[in-house]
Amino acid sequence: MLKVIILTIIQCFFLATAQVCFKFAVQKIDKIKWEWSYFSDLLTNWWLLLSGIFLILATILWGYILKNFEFSIAYPLTAFAYIFGMFAAIFIFNETVSITRWIGVSLIIIGTFFIVK
């Protein structure tokens, strides 16, 4: 059981990191234009590339998890991504996260422990 928990936490970290990189990528993208310069900017957006790399890593690890563990246990554990997202919001994007959001995430995580047990 511990193995699936650890692997899913790593997978959630990769997924959250991909989303953080994607947010940085889209902040650098101007309005959509059907011009070569727009597509050239997309192809040289390193945040977009990093986002893709982390998403691929998360997907490969998720495939391994799905192949080797019960879906009914593995899938609910992906709720750990919410924790990484909240910390990214605070420490990377300097957002204020209200106590009600923390309570909501805490309830979700507590629910995953009931599922795993």
PDB file of N, CA and C in Angstrom:
ATOM      1  N   MET A   1       0.830  -1.200   0.000  1.00  0.00           N
ATOM      2  CA  MET A   1       0.000   0.000   0.000  1.00  0.00           C
ATOM      3  C   MET A   1       0.867   1.254   0.000  1.00  0.00           C
ATOM      4  N   LEU A   2       1.952   1.207   0.775  1.00  0.00           N
ATOM      5  CA  LEU A   2       2.824   2.372   0.863  1.00  0.00           C
ATOM      6  C   LEU A   2       3.429   2.716  -0.500  1.00  0.00           C
ATOM      7  N   LYS A   3       3.715   1.696  -1.289  1.00  0.00           N
ATOM      8  CA  LYS A   3       4.314   1.917  -2.609  1.00  0.00           C
ATOM      9  C   LYS A   3       3.380   2.722  -3.516  1.00  0.00           C
ATOM     10  N   VAL A   4       2.111   2.378  -3.546  1.00  0.00           N
ATOM     11  CA  VAL A   4       1.170   3.108  -4.394  1.00  0.00           C
ATOM     12  C   VAL A   4       0.997   4.542  -3.897  1.00  0.00           C
ATOM     13  N   ILE A   5       1.045   4.739  -2.605  1.00  0.00           N
ATOM     14  CA  ILE A   5       0.915   6.092  -2.054  1.00  0.00           C
ATOM     15  C   ILE A   5       2.112   6.944  -2.476  1.00  0.00           C
ATOM     16  N   ILE A   6       3.315   6.405  -2.304  1.00  0.00           N
ATOM     17  CA  ILE A   6       4.518   7.154  -2.665  1.00  0.00           C
ATOM     18  C   ILE A   6       4.560   7.448  -4.165  1.00  0.00           C
ATOM     19  N   LEU A   7       4.269   6.435  -4.977  1.00  0.00           N
ATOM     20  CA  LEU A   7       4.283   6.643  -6.434  1.00  0.00           C
ATOM     21  C   LEU A   7       3.240   7.668  -6.863  1.00  0.00           C
ATOM     22  N   THR A   8       2.083   7.640  -6.248  1.00  0.00           N
ATOM     23  CA  THR A   8       1.026   8.592  -6.611  1.00  0.00           C
ATOM     24  C   THR A   8       1.394  10.005  -6.165  1.00  0.00           C
ATOM     25  N   ILE A   9       2.038  10.137  -5.034  1.00  0.00           N
ATOM     26  CA  ILE A   9       2.486  11.465  -4.596  1.00  0.00           C
ATOM     27  C   ILE A   9       3.519  12.018  -5.584  1.00  0.00           C
ATOM     28  N   ILE A  10       4.435  11.181  -6.025  1.00  0.00           N
ATOM     29  CA  ILE A  10       5.415  11.615  -7.031  1.00  0.00           C
ATOM     30  C   ILE A  10       4.711  12.002  -8.326  1.00  0.00           C
ATOM     31  N   GLN A  11       3.749  11.188  -8.739  1.00  0.00           N
ATOM     32  CA  GLN A  11       2.998  11.472  -9.965  1.00  0.00           C
ATOM     33  C   GLN A  11       2.234  12.789  -9.834  1.00  0.00           C
ATOM     34  N   CYS A  12       1.656  13.028  -8.682  1.00  0.00           N
ATOM     35  CA  CYS A  12       0.931  14.280  -8.444  1.00  0.00           C
ATOM     36  C   CYS A  12       1.884  15.471  -8.448  1.00  0.00           C
ATOM     37  N   PHE A  13       3.080  15.285  -7.920  1.00  0.00           N
ATOM     38  CA  PHE A  13       4.079  16.346  -7.951  1.00  0.00           C
ATOM     39  C   PHE A  13       4.448  16.688  -9.395  1.00  0.00           C
ATOM     40  N   PHE A  14       4.676  15.667 -10.223  1.00  0.00           N
ATOM     41  CA  PHE A  14       4.969  15.911 -11.638  1.00  0.00           C
ATOM     42  C   PHE A  14       3.811  16.649 -12.308  1.00  0.00           C
ATOM     43  N   LEU A  15       2.600  16.221 -12.011  1.00  0.00           N
ATOM     44  CA  LEU A  15       1.422  16.839 -12.615  1.00  0.00           C
ATOM     45  C   LEU A  15       1.273  18.299 -12.183  1.00  0.00           C
ATOM     46  N   ALA A  16       1.449  18.564 -10.907  1.00  0.00           N
ATOM     47  CA  ALA A  16       1.342  19.940 -10.416  1.00  0.00           C
ATOM     48  C   ALA A  16       2.462  20.810 -10.989  1.00  0.00           C
ATOM     49  N   THR A  17       3.655  20.254 -11.094  1.00  0.00           N
ATOM     50  CA  THR A  17       4.772  20.999 -11.680  1.00  0.00           C
ATOM     51  C   THR A  17       4.483  21.326 -13.140  1.00  0.00           C
ATOM     52  N   ALA A  18       3.881  20.392 -13.858  1.00  0.00           N
ATOM     53  CA  ALA A  18       3.494  20.650 -15.249  1.00  0.00           C
ATOM     54  C   ALA A  18       2.504  21.810 -15.326  1.00  0.00           C
ATOM     55  N   GLN A  19       1.570  21.860 -14.395  1.00  0.00           N
ATOM     56  CA  GLN A  19       0.575  22.932 -14.408  1.00  0.00           C
ATOM     57  C   GLN A  19       1.189  24.283 -14.052  1.00  0.00           C
ATOM     58  N   VAL A  20       2.140  24.287 -13.136  1.00  0.00           N
ATOM     59  CA  VAL A  20       2.837  25.532 -12.793  1.00  0.00           C
ATOM     60  C   VAL A  20       3.604  26.038 -14.012  1.00  0.00           C
ATOM     61  N   CYS A  21       4.337  25.146 -14.660  1.00  0.00           N
ATOM     62  CA  CYS A  21       5.072  25.536 -15.872  1.00  0.00           C
ATOM     63  C   CYS A  21       4.113  26.007 -16.960  1.00  0.00           C
ATOM     64  N   PHE A  22       2.968  25.361 -17.076  1.00  0.00           N
ATOM     65  CA  PHE A  22       1.988  25.757 -18.090  1.00  0.00           C
ATOM     66  C   PHE A  22       1.445  27.149 -17.805  1.00  0.00           C
ATOM     67  N   LYS A  23       1.230  27.463 -16.533  1.00  0.00           N
ATOM     68  CA  LYS A  23       0.763  28.809 -16.177  1.00  0.00           C
ATOM     69  C   LYS A  23       1.800  29.851 -16.586  1.00  0.00           C
ATOM     70  N   PHE A  24       3.079  29.575 -16.304  1.00  0.00           N
ATOM     71  CA  PHE A  24       4.129  30.491 -16.751  1.00  0.00           C
ATOM     72  C   PHE A  24       4.139  30.606 -18.278  1.00  0.00           C
ATOM     73  N   ALA A  25       3.923  29.481 -18.959  1.00  0.00           N
ATOM     74  CA  ALA A  25       3.931  29.481 -20.427  1.00  0.00           C
ATOM     75  C   ALA A  25       2.809  30.339 -20.989  1.00  0.00           C
ATOM     76  N   VAL A  26       1.603  30.173 -20.486  1.00  0.00           N
ATOM     77  CA  VAL A  26       0.478  30.929 -21.051  1.00  0.00           C
ATOM     78  C   VAL A  26       0.555  32.409 -20.705  1.00  0.00           C
ATOM     79  N   GLN A  27       1.251  32.745 -19.620  1.00  0.00           N
ATOM     80  CA  GLN A  27       1.429  34.155 -19.296  1.00  0.00           C
ATOM     81  C   GLN A  27       2.334  34.843 -20.310  1.00  0.00           C
ATOM     82  N   LYS A  28       3.197  34.074 -20.961  1.00  0.00           N
ATOM     83  CA  LYS A  28       4.097  34.638 -21.958  1.00  0.00           C
ATOM     84  C   LYS A  28       3.473  34.692 -23.352  1.00  0.00           C
ATOM     85  N   ILE A  29       2.329  34.039 -23.532  1.00  0.00           N
ATOM     86  CA  ILE A  29       1.698  33.968 -24.848  1.00  0.00           C
ATOM     87  C   ILE A  29       0.802  35.181 -25.050  1.00  0.00           C
ATOM     88  N   ASP A  30       0.996  35.839 -26.179  1.00  0.00           N
ATOM     89  CA  ASP A  30       0.128  36.953 -26.532  1.00  0.00           C
ATOM     90  C   ASP A  30      -1.185  36.430 -27.081  1.00  0.00           C
ATOM     91  N   LYS A  31      -1.965  37.347 -27.591  1.00  0.00           N
ATOM     92  CA  LYS A  31      -3.225  36.986 -28.221  1.00  0.00           C
ATOM     93  C   LYS A  31      -2.969  36.023 -29.384  1.00  0.00           C
ATOM     94  N   ILE A  32      -3.884  35.087 -29.572  1.00  0.00           N
ATOM     95  CA  ILE A  32      -3.728  34.117 -30.656  1.00  0.00           C
ATOM     96  C   ILE A  32      -3.815  34.837 -32.001  1.00  0.00           C
ATOM     97  N   LYS A  33      -2.778  34.606 -32.797  1.00  0.00           N
ATOM     98  CA  LYS A  33      -2.737  35.166 -34.149  1.00  0.00           C
ATOM     99  C   LYS A  33      -2.363  34.038 -35.093  1.00  0.00           C
ATOM    100  N   TRP A  34      -2.912  34.055 -36.255  1.00  0.00           N
ATOM    101  CA  TRP A  34      -2.588  33.036 -37.234  1.00  0.00           C
ATOM    102  C   TRP A  34      -1.420  33.521 -38.085  1.00  0.00           C
ATOM    103  N   GLU A  35      -0.318  33.800 -37.390  1.00  0.00           N
ATOM    104  CA  GLU A  35       0.891  34.272 -38.052  1.00  0.00           C
ATOM    105  C   GLU A  35       2.058  33.399 -37.608  1.00  0.00           C
ATOM    106  N   TRP A  36       3.076  33.359 -38.455  1.00  0.00           N
ATOM    107  CA  TRP A  36       4.237  32.537 -38.142  1.00  0.00           C
ATOM    108  C   TRP A  36       4.889  32.961 -36.827  1.00  0.00           C
ATOM    109  N   SER A  37       4.935  34.253 -36.549  1.00  0.00           N
ATOM    110  CA  SER A  37       5.596  34.737 -35.331  1.00  0.00           C
ATOM    111  C   SER A  37       4.935  34.165 -34.071  1.00  0.00           C
ATOM    112  N   TYR A  38       3.623  34.008 -34.118  1.00  0.00           N
ATOM    113  CA  TYR A  38       2.905  33.439 -32.971  1.00  0.00           C
ATOM    114  C   TYR A  38       3.345  31.993 -32.738  1.00  0.00           C
ATOM    115  N   PHE A  39       3.370  31.192 -33.800  1.00  0.00           N
ATOM    116  CA  PHE A  39       3.750  29.788 -33.673  1.00  0.00           C
ATOM    117  C   PHE A  39       5.228  29.635 -33.348  1.00  0.00           C
ATOM    118  N   SER A  40       6.033  30.548 -33.849  1.00  0.00           N
ATOM    119  CA  SER A  40       7.452  30.556 -33.518  1.00  0.00           C
ATOM    120  C   SER A  40       7.630  30.831 -32.027  1.00  0.00           C
ATOM    121  N   ASP A  41       6.858  31.758 -31.497  1.00  0.00           N
ATOM    122  CA  ASP A  41       6.906  32.041 -30.057  1.00  0.00           C
ATOM    123  C   ASP A  41       6.490  30.831 -29.237  1.00  0.00           C
ATOM    124  N   LEU A  42       5.489  30.095 -29.710  1.00  0.00           N
ATOM    125  CA  LEU A  42       5.054  28.887 -29.000  1.00  0.00           C
ATOM    126  C   LEU A  42       6.158  27.837 -28.983  1.00  0.00           C
ATOM    127  N   LEU A  43       6.811  27.660 -30.122  1.00  0.00           N
ATOM    128  CA  LEU A  43       7.844  26.630 -30.233  1.00  0.00           C
ATOM    129  C   LEU A  43       9.096  26.964 -29.437  1.00  0.00           C
ATOM    130  N   THR A  44       9.292  28.227 -29.102  1.00  0.00           N
ATOM    131  CA  THR A  44      10.466  28.616 -28.329  1.00  0.00           C
ATOM    132  C   THR A  44      10.095  28.997 -26.886  1.00  0.00           C
ATOM    133  N   ASN A  45       8.902  28.658 -26.473  1.00  0.00           N
ATOM    134  CA  ASN A  45       8.467  28.930 -25.109  1.00  0.00           C
ATOM    135  C   ASN A  45       8.949  27.774 -24.236  1.00  0.00           C
ATOM    136  N   TRP A  46      10.032  28.002 -23.497  1.00  0.00           N
ATOM    137  CA  TRP A  46      10.649  26.937 -22.704  1.00  0.00           C
ATOM    138  C   TRP A  46       9.751  26.467 -21.569  1.00  0.00           C
ATOM    139  N   TRP A  47       8.903  27.342 -21.061  1.00  0.00           N
ATOM    140  CA  TRP A  47       7.955  26.925 -20.020  1.00  0.00           C
ATOM    141  C   TRP A  47       6.973  25.909 -20.576  1.00  0.00           C
ATOM    142  N   LEU A  48       6.578  26.098 -21.823  1.00  0.00           N
ATOM    143  CA  LEU A  48       5.658  25.158 -22.465  1.00  0.00           C
ATOM    144  C   LEU A  48       6.331  23.804 -22.655  1.00  0.00           C
ATOM    145  N   LEU A  49       7.604  23.820 -23.043  1.00  0.00           N
ATOM    146  CA  LEU A  49       8.356  22.584 -23.192  1.00  0.00           C
ATOM    147  C   LEU A  49       8.498  21.862 -21.849  1.00  0.00           C
ATOM    148  N   LEU A  50       8.857  22.599 -20.806  1.00  0.00           N
ATOM    149  CA  LEU A  50       8.965  21.999 -19.472  1.00  0.00           C
ATOM    150  C   LEU A  50       7.643  21.413 -19.005  1.00  0.00           C
ATOM    151  N   SER A  51       6.572  22.131 -19.271  1.00  0.00           N
ATOM    152  CA  SER A  51       5.250  21.640 -18.917  1.00  0.00           C
ATOM    153  C   SER A  51       4.981  20.300 -19.592  1.00  0.00           C
ATOM    154  N   GLY A  52       5.303  20.217 -20.864  1.00  0.00           N
ATOM    155  CA  GLY A  52       5.107  18.970 -21.605  1.00  0.00           C
ATOM    156  C   GLY A  52       5.945  17.830 -21.056  1.00  0.00           C
ATOM    157  N   ILE A  53       7.184  18.124 -20.697  1.00  0.00           N
ATOM    158  CA  ILE A  53       8.069  17.089 -20.156  1.00  0.00           C
ATOM    159  C   ILE A  53       7.515  16.546 -18.837  1.00  0.00           C
ATOM    160  N   PHE A  54       7.105  17.444 -17.947  1.00  0.00           N
ATOM    161  CA  PHE A  54       6.555  16.983 -16.668  1.00  0.00           C
ATOM    162  C   PHE A  54       5.228  16.248 -16.860  1.00  0.00           C
ATOM    163  N   LEU A  55       4.439  16.671 -17.833  1.00  0.00           N
ATOM    164  CA  LEU A  55       3.186  15.979 -18.108  1.00  0.00           C
ATOM    165  C   LEU A  55       3.446  14.577 -18.649  1.00  0.00           C
ATOM    166  N   ILE A  56       4.447  14.439 -19.486  1.00  0.00           N
ATOM    167  CA  ILE A  56       4.807  13.110 -20.003  1.00  0.00           C
ATOM    168  C   ILE A  56       5.290  12.216 -18.862  1.00  0.00           C
ATOM    169  N   LEU A  57       6.136  12.755 -17.983  1.00  0.00           N
ATOM    170  CA  LEU A  57       6.608  11.971 -16.833  1.00  0.00           C
ATOM    171  C   LEU A  57       5.441  11.527 -15.948  1.00  0.00           C
ATOM    172  N   ALA A  58       4.512  12.455 -15.694  1.00  0.00           N
ATOM    173  CA  ALA A  58       3.342  12.124 -14.876  1.00  0.00           C
ATOM    174  C   ALA A  58       2.496  11.042 -15.543  1.00  0.00           C
ATOM    175  N   THR A  59       2.353  11.133 -16.848  1.00  0.00           N
ATOM    176  CA  THR A  59       1.527  10.168 -17.584  1.00  0.00           C
ATOM    177  C   THR A  59       2.173   8.786 -17.591  1.00  0.00           C
ATOM    178  N   ILE A  60       3.486   8.733 -17.784  1.00  0.00           N
ATOM    179  CA  ILE A  60       4.184   7.440 -17.767  1.00  0.00           C
ATOM    180  C   ILE A  60       4.063   6.791 -16.386  1.00  0.00           C
ATOM    181  N   LEU A  61       4.294   7.579 -15.350  1.00  0.00           N
ATOM    182  CA  LEU A  61       4.176   7.045 -13.992  1.00  0.00           C
ATOM    183  C   LEU A  61       2.742   6.627 -13.693  1.00  0.00           C
ATOM    184  N   TRP A  62       1.774   7.406 -14.173  1.00  0.00           N
ATOM    185  CA  TRP A  62       0.365   7.059 -13.959  1.00  0.00           C
ATOM    186  C   TRP A  62       0.033   5.738 -14.654  1.00  0.00           C
ATOM    187  N   GLY A  63       0.587   5.529 -15.836  1.00  0.00           N
ATOM    188  CA  GLY A  63       0.381   4.253 -16.536  1.00  0.00           C
ATOM    189  C   GLY A  63       0.905   3.087 -15.724  1.00  0.00           C
ATOM    190  N   TYR A  64       2.082   3.264 -15.130  1.00  0.00           N
ATOM    191  CA  TYR A  64       2.644   2.217 -14.287  1.00  0.00           C
ATOM    192  C   TYR A  64       1.735   1.950 -13.085  1.00  0.00           C
ATOM    193  N   ILE A  65       1.264   3.020 -12.475  1.00  0.00           N
ATOM    194  CA  ILE A  65       0.392   2.885 -11.304  1.00  0.00           C
ATOM    195  C   ILE A  65      -0.883   2.145 -11.684  1.00  0.00           C
ATOM    196  N   LEU A  66      -1.506   2.544 -12.781  1.00  0.00           N
ATOM    197  CA  LEU A  66      -2.755   1.896 -13.208  1.00  0.00           C
ATOM    198  C   LEU A  66      -2.555   0.427 -13.539  1.00  0.00           C
ATOM    199  N   LYS A  67      -1.405   0.101 -14.106  1.00  0.00           N
ATOM    200  CA  LYS A  67      -1.146  -1.286 -14.475  1.00  0.00           C
ATOM    201  C   LYS A  67      -0.946  -2.178 -13.252  1.00  0.00           C
ATOM    202  N   ASN A  68      -0.372  -1.626 -12.200  1.00  0.00           N
ATOM    203  CA  ASN A  68       0.065  -2.453 -11.082  1.00  0.00           C
ATOM    204  C   ASN A  68      -0.755  -2.340  -9.800  1.00  0.00           C
ATOM    205  N   PHE A  69      -1.688  -1.394  -9.749  1.00  0.00           N
ATOM    206  CA  PHE A  69      -2.460  -1.206  -8.527  1.00  0.00           C
ATOM    207  C   PHE A  69      -3.939  -1.059  -8.854  1.00  0.00           C
ATOM    208  N   GLU A  70      -4.766  -1.250  -7.851  1.00  0.00           N
ATOM    209  CA  GLU A  70      -6.207  -1.139  -8.037  1.00  0.00           C
ATOM    210  C   GLU A  70      -6.594   0.313  -8.340  1.00  0.00           C
ATOM    211  N   PHE A  71      -7.431   0.466  -9.342  1.00  0.00           N
ATOM    212  CA  PHE A  71      -7.892   1.798  -9.754  1.00  0.00           C
ATOM    213  C   PHE A  71      -8.649   2.477  -8.622  1.00  0.00           C
ATOM    214  N   SER A  72      -9.438   1.697  -7.889  1.00  0.00           N
ATOM    215  CA  SER A  72     -10.259   2.268  -6.815  1.00  0.00           C
ATOM    216  C   SER A  72      -9.425   2.830  -5.673  1.00  0.00           C
ATOM    217  N   ILE A  73      -8.169   2.439  -5.598  1.00  0.00           N
ATOM    218  CA  ILE A  73      -7.266   3.008  -4.597  1.00  0.00           C
ATOM    219  C   ILE A  73      -6.405   4.100  -5.222  1.00  0.00           C
ATOM    220  N   ALA A  74      -5.866   3.840  -6.401  1.00  0.00           N
ATOM    221  CA  ALA A  74      -4.935   4.776  -7.035  1.00  0.00           C
ATOM    222  C   ALA A  74      -5.599   6.101  -7.413  1.00  0.00           C
ATOM    223  N   TYR A  75      -6.761   6.030  -8.006  1.00  0.00           N
ATOM    224  CA  TYR A  75      -7.367   7.266  -8.514  1.00  0.00           C
ATOM    225  C   TYR A  75      -7.694   8.281  -7.410  1.00  0.00           C
ATOM    226  N   PRO A  76      -8.304   7.864  -6.317  1.00  0.00           N
ATOM    227  CA  PRO A  76      -8.570   8.850  -5.258  1.00  0.00           C
ATOM    228  C   PRO A  76      -7.297   9.494  -4.691  1.00  0.00           C
ATOM    229  N   LEU A  77      -6.178   8.777  -4.749  1.00  0.00           N
ATOM    230  CA  LEU A  77      -4.936   9.331  -4.235  1.00  0.00           C
ATOM    231  C   LEU A  77      -4.426  10.514  -5.052  1.00  0.00           C
ATOM    232  N   THR A  78      -4.932  10.675  -6.246  1.00  0.00           N
ATOM    233  CA  THR A  78      -4.502  11.820  -7.058  1.00  0.00           C
ATOM    234  C   THR A  78      -4.965  13.138  -6.447  1.00  0.00           C
ATOM    235  N   ALA A  79      -5.777  13.076  -5.413  1.00  0.00           N
ATOM    236  CA  ALA A  79      -6.200  14.287  -4.707  1.00  0.00           C
ATOM    237  C   ALA A  79      -5.024  14.990  -4.046  1.00  0.00           C
ATOM    238  N   PHE A  80      -3.907  14.277  -3.878  1.00  0.00           N
ATOM    239  CA  PHE A  80      -2.717  14.919  -3.325  1.00  0.00           C
ATOM    240  C   PHE A  80      -2.236  16.065  -4.213  1.00  0.00           C
ATOM    241  N   ALA A  81      -2.601  16.049  -5.470  1.00  0.00           N
ATOM    242  CA  ALA A  81      -2.218  17.144  -6.372  1.00  0.00           C
ATOM    243  C   ALA A  81      -2.779  18.478  -5.886  1.00  0.00           C
ATOM    244  N   TYR A  82      -3.905  18.448  -5.196  1.00  0.00           N
ATOM    245  CA  TYR A  82      -4.478  19.682  -4.660  1.00  0.00           C
ATOM    246  C   TYR A  82      -3.541  20.342  -3.655  1.00  0.00           C
ATOM    247  N   ILE A  83      -2.868  19.537  -2.854  1.00  0.00           N
ATOM    248  CA  ILE A  83      -1.935  20.089  -1.873  1.00  0.00           C
ATOM    249  C   ILE A  83      -0.787  20.793  -2.585  1.00  0.00           C
ATOM    250  N   PHE A  84      -0.217  20.118  -3.585  1.00  0.00           N
ATOM    251  CA  PHE A  84       0.874  20.737  -4.338  1.00  0.00           C
ATOM    252  C   PHE A  84       0.406  22.015  -5.023  1.00  0.00           C
ATOM    253  N   GLY A  85      -0.805  21.998  -5.526  1.00  0.00           N
ATOM    254  CA  GLY A  85      -1.355  23.189  -6.174  1.00  0.00           C
ATOM    255  C   GLY A  85      -1.515  24.356  -5.212  1.00  0.00           C
ATOM    256  N   MET A  86      -1.957  24.057  -3.999  1.00  0.00           N
ATOM    257  CA  MET A  86      -2.125  25.110  -2.999  1.00  0.00           C
ATOM    258  C   MET A  86      -0.779  25.706  -2.601  1.00  0.00           C
ATOM    259  N   PHE A  87       0.214  24.843  -2.405  1.00  0.00           N
ATOM    260  CA  PHE A  87       1.533  25.354  -2.055  1.00  0.00           C
ATOM    261  C   PHE A  87       2.149  26.149  -3.207  1.00  0.00           C
ATOM    262  N   ALA A  88       1.922  25.715  -4.427  1.00  0.00           N
ATOM    263  CA  ALA A  88       2.415  26.476  -5.585  1.00  0.00           C
ATOM    264  C   ALA A  88       1.749  27.841  -5.642  1.00  0.00           C
ATOM    265  N   ALA A  89       0.459  27.881  -5.379  1.00  0.00           N
ATOM    266  CA  ALA A  89      -0.259  29.163  -5.381  1.00  0.00           C
ATOM    267  C   ALA A  89       0.353  30.125  -4.371  1.00  0.00           C
ATOM    268  N   ILE A  90       0.701  29.612  -3.206  1.00  0.00           N
ATOM    269  CA  ILE A  90       1.248  30.465  -2.141  1.00  0.00           C
ATOM    270  C   ILE A  90       2.695  30.850  -2.420  1.00  0.00           C
ATOM    271  N   PHE A  91       3.542  29.857  -2.660  1.00  0.00           N
ATOM    272  CA  PHE A  91       4.979  30.111  -2.697  1.00  0.00           C
ATOM    273  C   PHE A  91       5.508  30.538  -4.067  1.00  0.00           C
ATOM    274  N   ILE A  92       4.837  30.167  -5.139  1.00  0.00           N
ATOM    275  CA  ILE A  92       5.324  30.533  -6.476  1.00  0.00           C
ATOM    276  C   ILE A  92       4.572  31.733  -7.028  1.00  0.00           C
ATOM    277  N   PHE A  93       3.242  31.726  -6.868  1.00  0.00           N
ATOM    278  CA  PHE A  93       2.431  32.795  -7.462  1.00  0.00           C
ATOM    279  C   PHE A  93       2.009  33.864  -6.455  1.00  0.00           C
ATOM    280  N   ASN A  94       2.464  33.723  -5.209  1.00  0.00           N
ATOM    281  CA  ASN A  94       2.181  34.708  -4.148  1.00  0.00           C
ATOM    282  C   ASN A  94       0.690  34.999  -3.981  1.00  0.00           C
ATOM    283  N   GLU A  95      -0.118  33.962  -4.106  1.00  0.00           N
ATOM    284  CA  GLU A  95      -1.555  34.109  -3.913  1.00  0.00           C
ATOM    285  C   GLU A  95      -1.904  33.914  -2.442  1.00  0.00           C
ATOM    286  N   THR A  96      -2.998  34.494  -2.059  1.00  0.00           N
ATOM    287  CA  THR A  96      -3.517  34.277  -0.713  1.00  0.00           C
ATOM    288  C   THR A  96      -4.554  33.165  -0.790  1.00  0.00           C
ATOM    289  N   VAL A  97      -4.351  32.135   0.002  1.00  0.00           N
ATOM    290  CA  VAL A  97      -5.277  31.003   0.017  1.00  0.00           C
ATOM    291  C   VAL A  97      -6.074  31.074   1.309  1.00  0.00           C
ATOM    292  N   SER A  98      -7.372  31.183   1.166  1.00  0.00           N
ATOM    293  CA  SER A  98      -8.236  31.338   2.333  1.00  0.00           C
ATOM    294  C   SER A  98      -8.320  30.052   3.146  1.00  0.00           C
ATOM    295  N   ILE A  99      -8.706  30.207   4.378  1.00  0.00           N
ATOM    296  CA  ILE A  99      -8.847  29.061   5.275  1.00  0.00           C
ATOM    297  C   ILE A  99      -9.919  28.095   4.776  1.00  0.00           C
ATOM    298  N   THR A 100     -10.954  28.603   4.135  1.00  0.00           N
ATOM    299  CA  THR A 100     -12.000  27.699   3.633  1.00  0.00           C
ATOM    300  C   THR A 100     -11.472  26.797   2.524  1.00  0.00           C
ATOM    301  N   ARG A 101     -10.542  27.303   1.730  1.00  0.00           N
ATOM    302  CA  ARG A 101      -9.928  26.438   0.699  1.00  0.00           C
ATOM    303  C   ARG A 101      -9.079  25.357   1.346  1.00  0.00           C
ATOM    304  N   TRP A 102      -8.340  25.739   2.382  1.00  0.00           N
ATOM    305  CA  TRP A 102      -7.538  24.745   3.095  1.00  0.00           C
ATOM    306  C   TRP A 102      -8.420  23.687   3.747  1.00  0.00           C
ATOM    307  N   ILE A 103      -9.536  24.111   4.296  1.00  0.00           N
ATOM    308  CA  ILE A 103     -10.470  23.151   4.890  1.00  0.00           C
ATOM    309  C   ILE A 103     -10.988  22.198   3.824  1.00  0.00           C
ATOM    310  N   GLY A 104     -11.344  22.733   2.673  1.00  0.00           N
ATOM    311  CA  GLY A 104     -11.834  21.895   1.583  1.00  0.00           C
ATOM    312  C   GLY A 104     -10.806  20.878   1.132  1.00  0.00           C
ATOM    313  N   VAL A 105      -9.572  21.311   0.955  1.00  0.00           N
ATOM    314  CA  VAL A 105      -8.508  20.389   0.546  1.00  0.00           C
ATOM    315  C   VAL A 105      -8.265  19.362   1.646  1.00  0.00           C
ATOM    316  N   SER A 106      -8.299  19.793   2.896  1.00  0.00           N
ATOM    317  CA  SER A 106      -8.106  18.864   4.013  1.00  0.00           C
ATOM    318  C   SER A 106      -9.186  17.786   4.031  1.00  0.00           C
ATOM    319  N   LEU A 107     -10.418  18.170   3.793  1.00  0.00           N
ATOM    320  CA  LEU A 107     -11.509  17.182   3.755  1.00  0.00           C
ATOM    321  C   LEU A 107     -11.309  16.178   2.627  1.00  0.00           C
ATOM    322  N   ILE A 108     -10.840  16.654   1.494  1.00  0.00           N
ATOM    323  CA  ILE A 108     -10.577  15.746   0.374  1.00  0.00           C
ATOM    324  C   ILE A 108      -9.482  14.756   0.744  1.00  0.00           C
ATOM    325  N   ILE A 109      -8.405  15.248   1.340  1.00  0.00           N
ATOM    326  CA  ILE A 109      -7.297  14.375   1.728  1.00  0.00           C
ATOM    327  C   ILE A 109      -7.734  13.385   2.802  1.00  0.00           C
ATOM    328  N   ILE A 110      -8.521  13.835   3.766  1.00  0.00           N
ATOM    329  CA  ILE A 110      -9.032  12.925   4.793  1.00  0.00           C
ATOM    330  C   ILE A 110      -9.881  11.837   4.137  1.00  0.00           C
ATOM    331  N   GLY A 111     -10.660  12.207   3.150  1.00  0.00           N
ATOM    332  CA  GLY A 111     -11.458  11.222   2.423  1.00  0.00           C
ATOM    333  C   GLY A 111     -10.612  10.181   1.731  1.00  0.00           C
ATOM    334  N   THR A 112      -9.450  10.591   1.196  1.00  0.00           N
ATOM    335  CA  THR A 112      -8.580   9.608   0.536  1.00  0.00           C
ATOM    336  C   THR A 112      -8.030   8.597   1.539  1.00  0.00           C
ATOM    337  N   PHE A 113      -7.785   9.024   2.761  1.00  0.00           N
ATOM    338  CA  PHE A 113      -7.305   8.081   3.770  1.00  0.00           C
ATOM    339  C   PHE A 113      -8.363   7.026   4.090  1.00  0.00           C
ATOM    340  N   PHE A 114      -9.646   7.418   4.072  1.00  0.00           N
ATOM    341  CA  PHE A 114     -10.711   6.439   4.297  1.00  0.00           C
ATOM    342  C   PHE A 114     -10.782   5.431   3.148  1.00  0.00           C
ATOM    343  N   ILE A 115     -10.507   5.910   1.955  1.00  0.00           N
ATOM    344  CA  ILE A 115     -10.553   5.016   0.785  1.00  0.00           C
ATOM    345  C   ILE A 115      -9.398   4.031   0.823  1.00  0.00           C
ATOM    346  N   VAL A 116      -8.220   4.507   1.201  1.00  0.00           N
ATOM    347  CA  VAL A 116      -7.033   3.650   1.217  1.00  0.00           C
ATOM    348  C   VAL A 116      -7.079   2.635   2.346  1.00  0.00           C
ATOM    349  N   LYS A 117      -7.695   2.987   3.440  1.00  0.00           N
ATOM    350  CA  LYS A 117      -7.734   2.115   4.604  1.00  0.00           C
ATOM    351  C   LYS A 117      -8.474   0.831   4.381  1.00  0.00           C
TER     352      LYS A 117
END
